């Protein structure tokens, strides 16, 4: 008796699960266009230069270990250069433009 009840519950769950899975396949998938960022990152050894067509408002760079290397606010220029004095290879860049858009990028030296 308990075995039949268990089998019927398993069948109901299986049928319900396949019905839900089939309805989820009909949901349209959003596609994102990958656009080129409005800035360029140039590395020359440990010297880093960020050039942007719009004005740069803030820039923050930190190492993969979590140490903050550069934090500069109110730049209001189209180019910003700095030298990395931390002995690491992987860094992260957070760039805020004057129009308020924020971009992040991982880079290595």
C-alpha atoms as a PDB file:
ATOM      1  CA  UNK A   1       0.000   0.000   0.000  1.00  0.00           C
ATOM      2  CA  UNK A   2       2.734   2.476   0.975  1.00  0.00           C
ATOM      3  CA  UNK A   3       4.824   1.364  -1.999  1.00  0.00           C
ATOM      4  CA  UNK A   4       1.945   2.116  -4.429  1.00  0.00           C
ATOM      5  CA  UNK A   5       1.432   5.511  -2.808  1.00  0.00           C
ATOM      6  CA  UNK A   6       5.147   6.294  -3.128  1.00  0.00           C
ATOM      7  CA  UNK A   7       5.178   5.216  -6.796  1.00  0.00           C
ATOM      8  CA  UNK A   8       2.126   7.364  -7.587  1.00  0.00           C
ATOM      9  CA  UNK A   9       3.704  10.413  -5.892  1.00  0.00           C
ATOM     10  CA  UNK A  10       6.920   9.897  -7.885  1.00  0.00           C
ATOM     11  CA  UNK A  11       4.976   9.665 -11.148  1.00  0.00           C
ATOM     12  CA  UNK A  12       2.996  12.813 -10.366  1.00  0.00           C
ATOM     13  CA  UNK A  13       6.185  14.714  -9.498  1.00  0.00           C
ATOM     14  CA  UNK A  14       7.864  13.497 -12.691  1.00  0.00           C
ATOM     15  CA  UNK A  15       4.917  14.513 -14.885  1.00  0.00           C
ATOM     16  CA  UNK A  16       4.615  17.905 -13.161  1.00  0.00           C
ATOM     17  CA  UNK A  17       8.380  18.502 -13.450  1.00  0.00           C
ATOM     18  CA  UNK A  18       8.475  17.765 -17.177  1.00  0.00           C
ATOM     19  CA  UNK A  19       5.458  20.021 -17.736  1.00  0.00           C
ATOM     20  CA  UNK A  20       7.177  22.876 -15.908  1.00  0.00           C
ATOM     21  CA  UNK A  21      10.420  22.273 -17.808  1.00  0.00           C
ATOM     22  CA  UNK A  22       8.568  22.386 -21.136  1.00  0.00           C
ATOM     23  CA  UNK A  23       6.871  25.670 -20.285  1.00  0.00           C
ATOM     24  CA  UNK A  24      10.205  27.225 -19.232  1.00  0.00           C
ATOM     25  CA  UNK A  25      11.646  26.469 -22.673  1.00  0.00           C
ATOM     26  CA  UNK A  26       9.145  28.874 -24.215  1.00  0.00           C
ATOM     27  CA  UNK A  27      10.441  31.888 -22.315  1.00  0.00           C
ATOM     28  CA  UNK A  28      12.409  34.112 -24.688  1.00  0.00           C
ATOM     29  CA  UNK A  29      16.059  34.498 -23.859  1.00  0.00           C
ATOM     30  CA  UNK A  30      17.358  38.044 -23.601  1.00  0.00           C
ATOM     31  CA  UNK A  31      20.379  38.694 -25.722  1.00  0.00           C
ATOM     32  CA  UNK A  32      22.819  41.412 -24.837  1.00  0.00           C
ATOM     33  CA  UNK A  33      24.807  43.264 -27.408  1.00  0.00           C
ATOM     34  CA  UNK A  34      28.427  43.549 -26.464  1.00  0.00           C
ATOM     35  CA  UNK A  35      29.385  47.126 -27.104  1.00  0.00           C
ATOM     36  CA  UNK A  36      32.854  48.564 -27.116  1.00  0.00           C
ATOM     37  CA  UNK A  37      33.515  50.645 -23.981  1.00  0.00           C
ATOM     38  CA  UNK A  38      34.109  54.375 -24.545  1.00  0.00           C
ATOM     39  CA  UNK A  39      37.587  54.187 -22.992  1.00  0.00           C
ATOM     40  CA  UNK A  40      40.897  52.520 -23.727  1.00  0.00           C
ATOM     41  CA  UNK A  41      43.357  51.070 -21.236  1.00  0.00           C
ATOM     42  CA  UNK A  42      47.038  51.195 -22.185  1.00  0.00           C
ATOM     43  CA  UNK A  43      49.750  49.372 -20.255  1.00  0.00           C
ATOM     44  CA  UNK A  44      53.446  50.056 -20.660  1.00  0.00           C
ATOM     45  CA  UNK A  45      55.174  47.942 -18.050  1.00  0.00           C
ATOM     46  CA  UNK A  46      53.850  49.253 -14.727  1.00  0.00           C
ATOM     47  CA  UNK A  47      52.705  52.576 -16.251  1.00  0.00           C
ATOM     48  CA  UNK A  48      48.934  52.575 -16.896  1.00  0.00           C
ATOM     49  CA  UNK A  49      47.069  55.147 -18.994  1.00  0.00           C
ATOM     50  CA  UNK A  50      43.302  55.396 -19.343  1.00  0.00           C
ATOM     51  CA  UNK A  51      42.030  57.458 -22.284  1.00  0.00           C
ATOM     52  CA  UNK A  52      38.370  58.234 -22.768  1.00  0.00           C
ATOM     53  CA  UNK A  53      36.324  60.187 -25.288  1.00  0.00           C
ATOM     54  CA  UNK A  54      34.114  61.471 -22.460  1.00  0.00           C
ATOM     55  CA  UNK A  55      35.485  63.021 -19.274  1.00  0.00           C
ATOM     56  CA  UNK A  56      36.724  60.773 -16.490  1.00  0.00           C
ATOM     57  CA  UNK A  57      35.121  61.604 -13.154  1.00  0.00           C
ATOM     58  CA  UNK A  58      36.499  58.902 -10.834  1.00  0.00           C
ATOM     59  CA  UNK A  59      38.953  56.057 -11.117  1.00  0.00           C
ATOM     60  CA  UNK A  60      39.708  53.263  -8.699  1.00  0.00           C
ATOM     61  CA  UNK A  61      42.216  50.444  -9.137  1.00  0.00           C
ATOM     62  CA  UNK A  62      42.751  47.560  -6.761  1.00  0.00           C
ATOM     63  CA  UNK A  63      44.851  44.420  -6.823  1.00  0.00           C
ATOM     64  CA  UNK A  64      43.425  40.921  -6.993  1.00  0.00           C
ATOM     65  CA  UNK A  65      44.381  40.486  -3.337  1.00  0.00           C
ATOM     66  CA  UNK A  66      42.033  43.362  -2.441  1.00  0.00           C
ATOM     67  CA  UNK A  67      44.548  46.122  -1.783  1.00  0.00           C
ATOM     68  CA  UNK A  68      43.462  49.477  -3.151  1.00  0.00           C
ATOM     69  CA  UNK A  69      46.175  50.912  -5.377  1.00  0.00           C
ATOM     70  CA  UNK A  70      44.636  54.097  -6.829  1.00  0.00           C
ATOM     71  CA  UNK A  71      41.565  56.089  -5.878  1.00  0.00           C
ATOM     72  CA  UNK A  72      41.197  59.439  -7.548  1.00  0.00           C
ATOM     73  CA  UNK A  73      38.023  61.539  -7.566  1.00  0.00           C
ATOM     74  CA  UNK A  74      37.013  64.649  -9.505  1.00  0.00           C
ATOM     75  CA  UNK A  75      39.524  64.145 -12.315  1.00  0.00           C
ATOM     76  CA  UNK A  76      37.505  65.841 -15.103  1.00  0.00           C
ATOM     77  CA  UNK A  77      40.037  65.009 -17.836  1.00  0.00           C
ATOM     78  CA  UNK A  78      39.951  62.712 -20.863  1.00  0.00           C
ATOM     79  CA  UNK A  79      43.216  60.979 -19.926  1.00  0.00           C
ATOM     80  CA  UNK A  80      44.670  59.723 -16.643  1.00  0.00           C
ATOM     81  CA  UNK A  81      48.034  58.030 -16.030  1.00  0.00           C
ATOM     82  CA  UNK A  82      49.466  56.338 -12.967  1.00  0.00           C
ATOM     83  CA  UNK A  83      52.251  53.956 -12.019  1.00  0.00           C
ATOM     84  CA  UNK A  84      51.635  50.675 -10.209  1.00  0.00           C
ATOM     85  CA  UNK A  85      53.998  50.234  -7.275  1.00  0.00           C
ATOM     86  CA  UNK A  86      52.418  46.995  -6.042  1.00  0.00           C
ATOM     87  CA  UNK A  87      54.164  43.753  -6.949  1.00  0.00           C
ATOM     88  CA  UNK A  88      51.112  41.925  -8.330  1.00  0.00           C
ATOM     89  CA  UNK A  89      50.032  40.867 -11.793  1.00  0.00           C
ATOM     90  CA  UNK A  90      46.205  41.094 -11.815  1.00  0.00           C
ATOM     91  CA  UNK A  91      44.273  44.314 -11.172  1.00  0.00           C
ATOM     92  CA  UNK A  92      40.716  45.608 -11.417  1.00  0.00           C
ATOM     93  CA  UNK A  93      39.692  49.007 -12.747  1.00  0.00           C
ATOM     94  CA  UNK A  94      36.506  50.897 -11.874  1.00  0.00           C
ATOM     95  CA  UNK A  95      35.955  53.941 -14.036  1.00  0.00           C
ATOM     96  CA  UNK A  96      33.138  56.460 -13.682  1.00  0.00           C
ATOM     97  CA  UNK A  97      32.604  58.873 -16.543  1.00  0.00           C
ATOM     98  CA  UNK A  98      31.343  62.419 -16.282  1.00  0.00           C
ATOM     99  CA  UNK A  99      27.930  61.293 -17.600  1.00  0.00           C
ATOM    100  CA  UNK A 100      27.565  58.920 -14.616  1.00  0.00           C
ATOM    101  CA  UNK A 101      28.196  55.600 -16.390  1.00  0.00           C
ATOM    102  CA  UNK A 102      30.387  53.151 -14.499  1.00  0.00           C
ATOM    103  CA  UNK A 103      32.652  50.568 -16.127  1.00  0.00           C
ATOM    104  CA  UNK A 104      34.766  47.818 -14.584  1.00  0.00           C
ATOM    105  CA  UNK A 105      37.556  45.845 -16.165  1.00  0.00           C
ATOM    106  CA  UNK A 106      40.060  43.220 -15.106  1.00  0.00           C
ATOM    107  CA  UNK A 107      43.563  43.685 -16.505  1.00  0.00           C
ATOM    108  CA  UNK A 108      47.038  42.317 -16.041  1.00  0.00           C
ATOM    109  CA  UNK A 109      50.531  43.717 -16.261  1.00  0.00           C
END
